[in-house]
Amino acid sequence: QREQVTPRKLSGGQYLIKLDAEGTYQCSITGLIFEVTKAVNIHYSLLSWSKYAGLVEPPWVVGGPLFDVRCETASALTSIAFPHSLCLGG
């Protein structure tokens, strides 16, 4: 069971989610799902592939959004799910 949360939009296309307790939460804007072990603040933003596309070597291809996720207590963030991503490689 996950709780739907709406982040606060910050300057520069950044988002802030303040999570009050352990649990699984889904961002109402990006669809990202965060699983945390305690109360925590998570900052994240969507990045442009133009800066990083040169790092992607065949057979890999750019296929979805690129996120920068930062958590004030890294050990509190146990997983991030990208529900809008799809692996087509078998």
N, C-alpha and C. Protein backbone atom coordinates (compact mmCIF):
# COMPACT_ATOMS: atom_id res chain seq x y z
N GLN A 1 0.85 -1.18 0.00
CA GLN A 1 0.00 0.00 0.00
C GLN A 1 0.89 1.23 0.00
N ARG A 2 0.63 2.16 -0.93
CA ARG A 2 1.43 3.37 -0.97
C ARG A 2 0.54 4.60 -0.85
N GLU A 3 1.09 5.61 -0.22
CA GLU A 3 0.37 6.86 -0.03
C GLU A 3 0.74 7.84 -1.13
N GLN A 4 -0.25 8.47 -1.73
CA GLN A 4 -0.03 9.47 -2.77
C GLN A 4 0.36 10.79 -2.09
N VAL A 5 1.48 11.40 -2.52
CA VAL A 5 1.92 12.68 -1.96
C VAL A 5 2.18 13.67 -3.08
N THR A 6 1.92 14.93 -2.80
CA THR A 6 2.19 15.99 -3.77
C THR A 6 3.39 16.78 -3.28
N PRO A 7 4.45 16.85 -4.08
CA PRO A 7 5.67 17.54 -3.65
C PRO A 7 5.51 19.05 -3.73
N ARG A 8 6.38 19.73 -3.04
CA ARG A 8 6.48 21.19 -3.17
C ARG A 8 7.43 21.46 -4.32
N LYS A 9 7.03 22.30 -5.26
CA LYS A 9 7.89 22.62 -6.40
C LYS A 9 8.82 23.77 -6.00
N LEU A 10 10.11 23.55 -6.20
CA LEU A 10 11.13 24.55 -5.88
C LEU A 10 11.63 25.17 -7.17
N SER A 11 12.49 26.15 -7.07
CA SER A 11 13.06 26.78 -8.27
C SER A 11 13.94 25.80 -9.03
N GLY A 12 14.12 26.06 -10.32
CA GLY A 12 15.00 25.23 -11.13
C GLY A 12 14.43 23.85 -11.44
N GLY A 13 13.11 23.69 -11.36
CA GLY A 13 12.50 22.40 -11.67
C GLY A 13 12.71 21.33 -10.63
N GLN A 14 13.07 21.74 -9.43
CA GLN A 14 13.29 20.77 -8.35
C GLN A 14 12.00 20.56 -7.56
N TYR A 15 11.91 19.37 -6.97
CA TYR A 15 10.78 19.03 -6.11
C TYR A 15 11.28 18.65 -4.73
N LEU A 16 10.44 18.86 -3.73
CA LEU A 16 10.74 18.47 -2.36
C LEU A 16 9.55 17.72 -1.80
N ILE A 17 9.84 16.52 -1.29
CA ILE A 17 8.81 15.76 -0.58
C ILE A 17 9.28 15.60 0.85
N LYS A 18 8.41 15.98 1.78
CA LYS A 18 8.68 15.78 3.21
C LYS A 18 7.82 14.61 3.67
N LEU A 19 8.48 13.51 3.95
CA LEU A 19 7.77 12.30 4.37
C LEU A 19 7.83 12.20 5.89
N ASP A 20 6.69 11.98 6.50
CA ASP A 20 6.58 12.06 7.96
C ASP A 20 6.89 10.77 8.71
N ALA A 21 6.89 9.65 8.00
CA ALA A 21 7.08 8.37 8.70
C ALA A 21 7.53 7.29 7.72
N GLU A 22 7.90 6.15 8.26
CA GLU A 22 8.25 4.98 7.46
C GLU A 22 7.07 4.61 6.57
N GLY A 23 7.38 4.19 5.34
CA GLY A 23 6.30 3.76 4.46
C GLY A 23 6.68 3.84 3.00
N THR A 24 5.69 3.66 2.14
CA THR A 24 5.87 3.73 0.69
C THR A 24 4.98 4.84 0.17
N TYR A 25 5.58 5.75 -0.59
CA TYR A 25 4.90 6.96 -1.05
C TYR A 25 5.09 7.12 -2.56
N GLN A 26 4.04 7.60 -3.25
CA GLN A 26 4.13 7.85 -4.68
C GLN A 26 3.90 9.32 -4.96
N CYS A 27 4.81 9.92 -5.75
CA CYS A 27 4.71 11.31 -6.14
C CYS A 27 3.56 11.48 -7.15
N SER A 28 2.66 12.40 -6.88
CA SER A 28 1.50 12.63 -7.74
C SER A 28 1.88 13.29 -9.06
N ILE A 29 3.08 13.86 -9.16
CA ILE A 29 3.50 14.55 -10.38
C ILE A 29 4.36 13.65 -11.28
N THR A 30 5.38 13.01 -10.71
CA THR A 30 6.32 12.21 -11.51
C THR A 30 5.99 10.72 -11.54
N GLY A 31 5.22 10.24 -10.59
CA GLY A 31 4.93 8.82 -10.50
C GLY A 31 6.00 8.03 -9.76
N LEU A 32 7.10 8.69 -9.38
CA LEU A 32 8.16 8.00 -8.64
C LEU A 32 7.61 7.45 -7.33
N ILE A 33 8.09 6.27 -6.94
CA ILE A 33 7.67 5.65 -5.69
C ILE A 33 8.88 5.54 -4.77
N PHE A 34 8.77 6.12 -3.58
CA PHE A 34 9.86 6.13 -2.61
C PHE A 34 9.48 5.24 -1.43
N GLU A 35 10.39 4.35 -1.04
CA GLU A 35 10.21 3.54 0.16
C GLU A 35 11.22 4.02 1.18
N VAL A 36 10.74 4.42 2.35
CA VAL A 36 11.62 4.97 3.39
C VAL A 36 11.42 4.26 4.71
N THR A 37 12.47 4.29 5.53
CA THR A 37 12.42 3.62 6.83
C THR A 37 12.12 4.56 7.99
N LYS A 38 12.11 5.87 7.71
CA LYS A 38 11.79 6.86 8.74
C LYS A 38 11.44 8.19 8.07
N ALA A 39 11.05 9.16 8.87
CA ALA A 39 10.74 10.48 8.34
C ALA A 39 11.98 11.07 7.66
N VAL A 40 11.77 11.67 6.49
CA VAL A 40 12.91 12.17 5.72
C VAL A 40 12.44 13.19 4.68
N ASN A 41 13.35 14.06 4.25
CA ASN A 41 13.10 14.99 3.16
C ASN A 41 13.86 14.52 1.93
N ILE A 42 13.18 14.49 0.78
CA ILE A 42 13.80 14.05 -0.47
C ILE A 42 13.66 15.17 -1.50
N HIS A 43 14.81 15.59 -2.07
CA HIS A 43 14.84 16.57 -3.16
C HIS A 43 15.09 15.81 -4.47
N TYR A 44 14.39 16.15 -5.53
CA TYR A 44 14.65 15.50 -6.81
C TYR A 44 14.26 16.41 -7.95
N SER A 45 14.87 16.14 -9.10
CA SER A 45 14.59 16.94 -10.30
C SER A 45 14.81 16.08 -11.54
N LEU A 46 14.24 16.53 -12.62
CA LEU A 46 14.39 15.87 -13.92
C LEU A 46 15.58 16.52 -14.61
N LEU A 47 16.52 15.71 -15.09
CA LEU A 47 17.71 16.23 -15.77
C LEU A 47 17.59 16.07 -17.28
N SER A 48 18.39 16.81 -18.00
CA SER A 48 18.43 16.69 -19.46
C SER A 48 19.45 15.62 -19.85
N TRP A 49 19.06 14.76 -20.81
CA TRP A 49 19.97 13.73 -21.29
C TRP A 49 21.11 14.33 -22.12
N SER A 50 20.98 15.56 -22.60
CA SER A 50 22.00 16.14 -23.48
C SER A 50 23.39 16.12 -22.84
N LYS A 51 23.45 16.30 -21.55
CA LYS A 51 24.73 16.32 -20.84
C LYS A 51 25.30 14.91 -20.65
N TYR A 52 24.45 13.88 -20.61
CA TYR A 52 24.88 12.54 -20.25
C TYR A 52 24.75 11.51 -21.37
N ALA A 53 24.14 11.85 -22.48
CA ALA A 53 23.88 10.89 -23.56
C ALA A 53 25.17 10.25 -24.08
N GLY A 54 26.28 10.98 -24.06
CA GLY A 54 27.55 10.45 -24.53
C GLY A 54 28.08 9.29 -23.67
N LEU A 55 27.56 9.15 -22.47
CA LEU A 55 27.98 8.07 -21.57
C LEU A 55 27.23 6.76 -21.85
N VAL A 56 26.19 6.84 -22.65
CA VAL A 56 25.38 5.66 -22.97
C VAL A 56 25.95 5.01 -24.21
N GLU A 57 26.50 3.80 -24.05
CA GLU A 57 27.16 3.09 -25.15
C GLU A 57 26.29 1.95 -25.65
N PRO A 58 26.32 1.66 -26.95
CA PRO A 58 25.56 0.55 -27.51
C PRO A 58 25.93 -0.75 -26.79
N PRO A 59 25.00 -1.61 -26.55
CA PRO A 59 23.66 -1.66 -27.13
C PRO A 59 22.64 -0.84 -26.36
N TRP A 60 23.05 -0.12 -25.33
CA TRP A 60 22.12 0.70 -24.54
C TRP A 60 21.70 1.92 -25.33
N VAL A 61 20.48 2.38 -25.09
CA VAL A 61 19.96 3.60 -25.71
C VAL A 61 19.24 4.41 -24.64
N VAL A 62 19.17 5.70 -24.85
CA VAL A 62 18.42 6.57 -23.95
C VAL A 62 16.95 6.23 -24.13
N GLY A 63 16.26 5.92 -23.05
CA GLY A 63 14.89 5.46 -23.21
C GLY A 63 13.90 6.00 -22.20
N GLY A 64 14.27 6.95 -21.42
CA GLY A 64 13.32 7.46 -20.43
C GLY A 64 13.89 8.65 -19.70
N PRO A 65 13.16 9.14 -18.73
CA PRO A 65 13.60 10.31 -17.98
C PRO A 65 14.81 10.01 -17.10
N LEU A 66 15.57 11.03 -16.82
CA LEU A 66 16.75 10.95 -15.97
C LEU A 66 16.50 11.82 -14.75
N PHE A 67 16.58 11.23 -13.56
CA PHE A 67 16.30 11.95 -12.33
C PHE A 67 17.55 12.10 -11.48
N ASP A 68 17.64 13.23 -10.79
CA ASP A 68 18.64 13.46 -9.76
C ASP A 68 17.89 13.42 -8.43
N VAL A 69 18.18 12.44 -7.59
CA VAL A 69 17.48 12.26 -6.32
C VAL A 69 18.48 12.42 -5.19
N ARG A 70 18.13 13.27 -4.24
CA ARG A 70 18.99 13.49 -3.07
C ARG A 70 18.16 13.37 -1.81
N CYS A 71 18.70 12.63 -0.86
CA CYS A 71 18.00 12.38 0.39
C CYS A 71 18.90 12.83 1.54
N GLU A 72 18.34 13.58 2.48
CA GLU A 72 19.14 14.11 3.59
C GLU A 72 19.76 13.00 4.43
N THR A 73 19.09 11.86 4.53
CA THR A 73 19.62 10.69 5.24
C THR A 73 19.54 9.51 4.28
N ALA A 74 20.63 9.27 3.55
CA ALA A 74 20.62 8.28 2.48
C ALA A 74 20.17 6.89 2.94
N SER A 75 20.51 6.51 4.15
CA SER A 75 20.14 5.18 4.63
C SER A 75 18.63 5.03 4.85
N ALA A 76 17.91 6.14 4.95
CA ALA A 76 16.46 6.09 5.16
C ALA A 76 15.70 5.75 3.88
N LEU A 77 16.31 6.01 2.73
CA LEU A 77 15.67 5.74 1.43
C LEU A 77 16.10 4.36 0.97
N THR A 78 15.20 3.38 1.08
CA THR A 78 15.58 2.01 0.78
C THR A 78 15.35 1.63 -0.68
N SER A 79 14.41 2.30 -1.37
CA SER A 79 14.21 2.01 -2.79
C SER A 79 13.45 3.13 -3.48
N ILE A 80 13.68 3.21 -4.79
CA ILE A 80 12.94 4.12 -5.66
C ILE A 80 12.44 3.28 -6.82
N ALA A 81 11.15 3.38 -7.13
CA ALA A 81 10.58 2.66 -8.27
C ALA A 81 10.19 3.68 -9.33
N PHE A 82 10.47 3.32 -10.56
CA PHE A 82 10.16 4.16 -11.71
C PHE A 82 9.03 3.48 -12.49
N PRO A 83 7.78 3.67 -12.10
CA PRO A 83 6.68 2.91 -12.68
C PRO A 83 6.43 3.19 -14.15
N HIS A 84 6.97 4.25 -14.68
CA HIS A 84 6.75 4.60 -16.09
C HIS A 84 7.88 4.09 -16.98
N SER A 85 8.79 3.28 -16.44
CA SER A 85 9.89 2.72 -17.22
C SER A 85 9.55 1.28 -17.61
N LEU A 86 10.07 0.87 -18.74
CA LEU A 86 9.81 -0.47 -19.26
C LEU A 86 11.09 -1.05 -19.84
N CYS A 87 11.46 -2.24 -19.39
CA CYS A 87 12.62 -2.92 -19.91
C CYS A 87 12.18 -3.82 -21.07
N LEU A 88 12.72 -3.59 -22.25
CA LEU A 88 12.35 -4.37 -23.42
C LEU A 88 13.34 -5.47 -23.74
N GLY A 89 14.35 -5.63 -22.89
CA GLY A 89 15.42 -6.60 -23.16
C GLY A 89 15.19 -7.95 -22.54
N GLY A 90 14.14 -8.67 -22.94
CA GLY A 90 13.93 -10.05 -22.50
C GLY A 90 13.53 -10.13 -21.06
